[in-house]
Each structure stands twice: as structure tokens, then as C-alpha cells.
């Protein structure tokens, strides 16, 4: 009976670790890695975190393309400033979401959670 309780705790720890890594994977590999995890897992907590990460990384990827075009067409300095701002916001949001997931909470990213 004790082994079941320990196994359950171990599964929960593993789920929170994978959920936390989903947010970091978005930083390193983009939204395709998050989509792969979302489709590959059947764990509700991991799927919820992956969906939250997708809700952030997909629009941010589109915005990044717009920023690049803006930087090329309008102003390189403004494009670089927007790109740096977007990168800092993405890193900060992903790290916060990763820490929340590690603590067992599925954190919704700001701004985009209200849009979807």
C-alpha cells in the first residue's frame, strides 16, 4: 500500500517536470516541439501546460515574422528593438510558466489567454 502512494507521488513529480520542460522546449525548439508533446501525451496536466504554451508561442511566432518584415521594410533599429522586447517577454513568460508547472500549476500566459 505504501508503494502505491510513492508511485503516485513519483508520477506527479514526473508530470510536473515534463510540463515544466514543455515551456522551455518552446524557447529552444519553437512551437512545433510543444505541439508534438501535446499530441504525444495523454496526461491532462501536461496537455494543459502544452496548450497554454501553444497559446503563447504560436501568436508570438507570427508576430516575430511581422517584426522581421517591419525591420527590413521600415526601420532596422525599430525592428531590432521590437525583436529584443519580444524575446525578453517570451523568455520571462516561459520561465514563469515553467516554474509554475514545476509547482503543479498550469499557468496561463498573459495577454493571449484573454484573446483565446
Protein backbone atom coordinates (compact mmCIF):
# COMPACT_ATOMS: atom_id res chain seq x y z
CA UNK A 1 0.00 0.00 0.00
CA UNK A 2 2.87 2.40 0.66
CA UNK A 3 4.41 1.66 -2.72
CA UNK A 4 1.24 2.85 -4.49
CA UNK A 5 1.33 6.13 -2.65
CA UNK A 6 5.01 6.55 -3.50
CA UNK A 7 4.40 5.61 -7.13
CA UNK A 8 1.61 8.16 -7.37
CA UNK A 9 3.87 10.87 -5.93
CA UNK A 10 6.61 9.87 -8.37
CA UNK A 11 4.18 10.07 -11.31
CA UNK A 12 3.05 13.52 -10.19
CA UNK A 13 6.67 14.70 -9.92
CA UNK A 14 7.44 13.31 -13.37
CA UNK A 15 4.35 15.03 -14.82
CA UNK A 16 5.28 18.38 -13.32
CA UNK A 17 8.83 18.02 -14.64
CA UNK A 18 7.66 17.24 -18.17
CA UNK A 19 5.11 20.06 -18.00
CA UNK A 20 7.85 22.47 -16.91
CA UNK A 21 10.11 21.30 -19.72
CA UNK A 22 7.36 21.93 -22.28
CA UNK A 23 7.70 25.67 -21.69
CA UNK A 24 11.49 25.53 -22.01
CA UNK A 25 11.16 23.44 -25.19
CA UNK A 26 9.16 26.29 -26.68
CA UNK A 27 12.11 28.61 -26.15
CA UNK A 28 14.65 26.19 -27.58
CA UNK A 29 12.76 24.47 -30.38
CA UNK A 30 9.68 26.59 -31.11
CA UNK A 31 6.03 25.73 -31.07
CA UNK A 32 6.44 22.52 -33.10
CA UNK A 33 8.08 20.82 -30.11
CA UNK A 34 5.19 21.91 -27.90
CA UNK A 35 2.67 20.64 -30.44
CA UNK A 36 4.48 17.29 -30.55
CA UNK A 37 4.29 16.94 -26.76
CA UNK A 38 0.63 17.96 -26.79
CA UNK A 39 -0.19 15.29 -29.36
CA UNK A 40 2.07 12.60 -27.87
CA UNK A 41 0.90 12.68 -24.24
CA UNK A 42 -2.32 11.55 -22.64
CA UNK A 43 -1.65 13.26 -19.29
CA UNK A 44 -4.14 16.08 -18.66
CA UNK A 45 -1.69 18.27 -16.71
CA UNK A 46 0.99 18.07 -19.40
CA UNK A 47 -1.59 18.72 -22.14
CA UNK A 48 -2.95 21.77 -20.28
CA UNK A 49 0.56 23.22 -19.97
CA UNK A 50 1.34 22.43 -23.61
CA UNK A 51 -1.89 24.13 -24.71
CA UNK A 52 -1.07 27.21 -22.62
CA UNK A 53 2.41 27.31 -24.17
CA UNK A 54 0.96 26.93 -27.67
CA UNK A 55 -1.42 29.81 -26.99
CA UNK A 56 1.65 31.97 -26.41
CA UNK A 57 4.24 30.65 -28.86
CA UNK A 58 2.09 30.44 -32.00
CA UNK A 59 0.99 34.11 -31.92
CA UNK A 60 4.48 35.19 -30.88
CA UNK A 61 5.93 33.34 -33.87
CA UNK A 62 3.55 35.19 -36.18
CA UNK A 63 4.41 38.50 -34.51
CA UNK A 64 8.13 37.70 -34.91
CA UNK A 65 7.64 37.32 -38.66
CA UNK A 66 5.84 40.68 -38.76
CA UNK A 67 8.67 42.26 -36.75
CA UNK A 68 11.27 40.95 -39.19
CA UNK A 69 9.33 42.33 -42.15
CA UNK A 70 8.88 45.63 -40.30
CA UNK A 71 12.60 45.74 -39.57
CA UNK A 72 13.52 45.12 -43.19
CA UNK A 73 10.95 47.42 -44.77
CA UNK A 74 10.59 50.30 -42.29
CA UNK A 75 13.44 50.60 -39.83
CA UNK A 76 16.19 48.24 -38.79
CA UNK A 77 16.62 49.94 -35.41
CA UNK A 78 12.90 49.73 -34.61
CA UNK A 79 12.81 46.12 -35.81
CA UNK A 80 15.72 45.15 -33.57
CA UNK A 81 14.15 46.97 -30.61
CA UNK A 82 10.84 45.16 -31.14
CA UNK A 83 12.60 41.82 -31.58
CA UNK A 84 14.58 42.24 -28.37
CA UNK A 85 11.43 43.25 -26.47
CA UNK A 86 9.55 40.25 -27.83
CA UNK A 87 12.42 37.91 -26.95
CA UNK A 88 12.68 39.21 -23.38
CA UNK A 89 8.90 38.92 -22.89
CA UNK A 90 8.92 35.36 -24.24
CA UNK A 91 11.83 34.25 -22.08
CA UNK A 92 10.33 35.77 -18.94
CA UNK A 93 6.87 34.33 -19.59
CA UNK A 94 8.22 30.85 -20.38
CA UNK A 95 10.39 30.80 -17.26
CA UNK A 96 7.48 31.86 -15.06
CA UNK A 97 5.21 29.25 -16.67
CA UNK A 98 7.91 26.61 -16.23
CA UNK A 99 8.29 27.39 -12.52
CA UNK A 100 4.52 27.34 -12.01
CA UNK A 101 4.24 23.99 -13.82
CA UNK A 102 7.02 22.53 -11.69
CA UNK A 103 4.98 23.55 -8.63
CA UNK A 104 1.90 21.78 -10.01
CA UNK A 105 0.02 24.70 -11.52
CA UNK A 106 -0.89 25.28 -15.16
CA UNK A 107 -0.19 29.00 -15.64
CA UNK A 108 -1.89 30.89 -18.43
CA UNK A 109 0.39 33.27 -20.27
CA UNK A 110 -0.62 36.94 -20.05
CA UNK A 111 -2.43 38.79 -22.83
CA UNK A 112 -3.02 35.79 -25.11
CA UNK A 113 -5.17 33.97 -22.56
CA UNK A 114 -7.68 36.79 -22.88
CA UNK A 115 -7.56 36.63 -26.68
CA UNK A 116 -8.38 32.92 -26.99
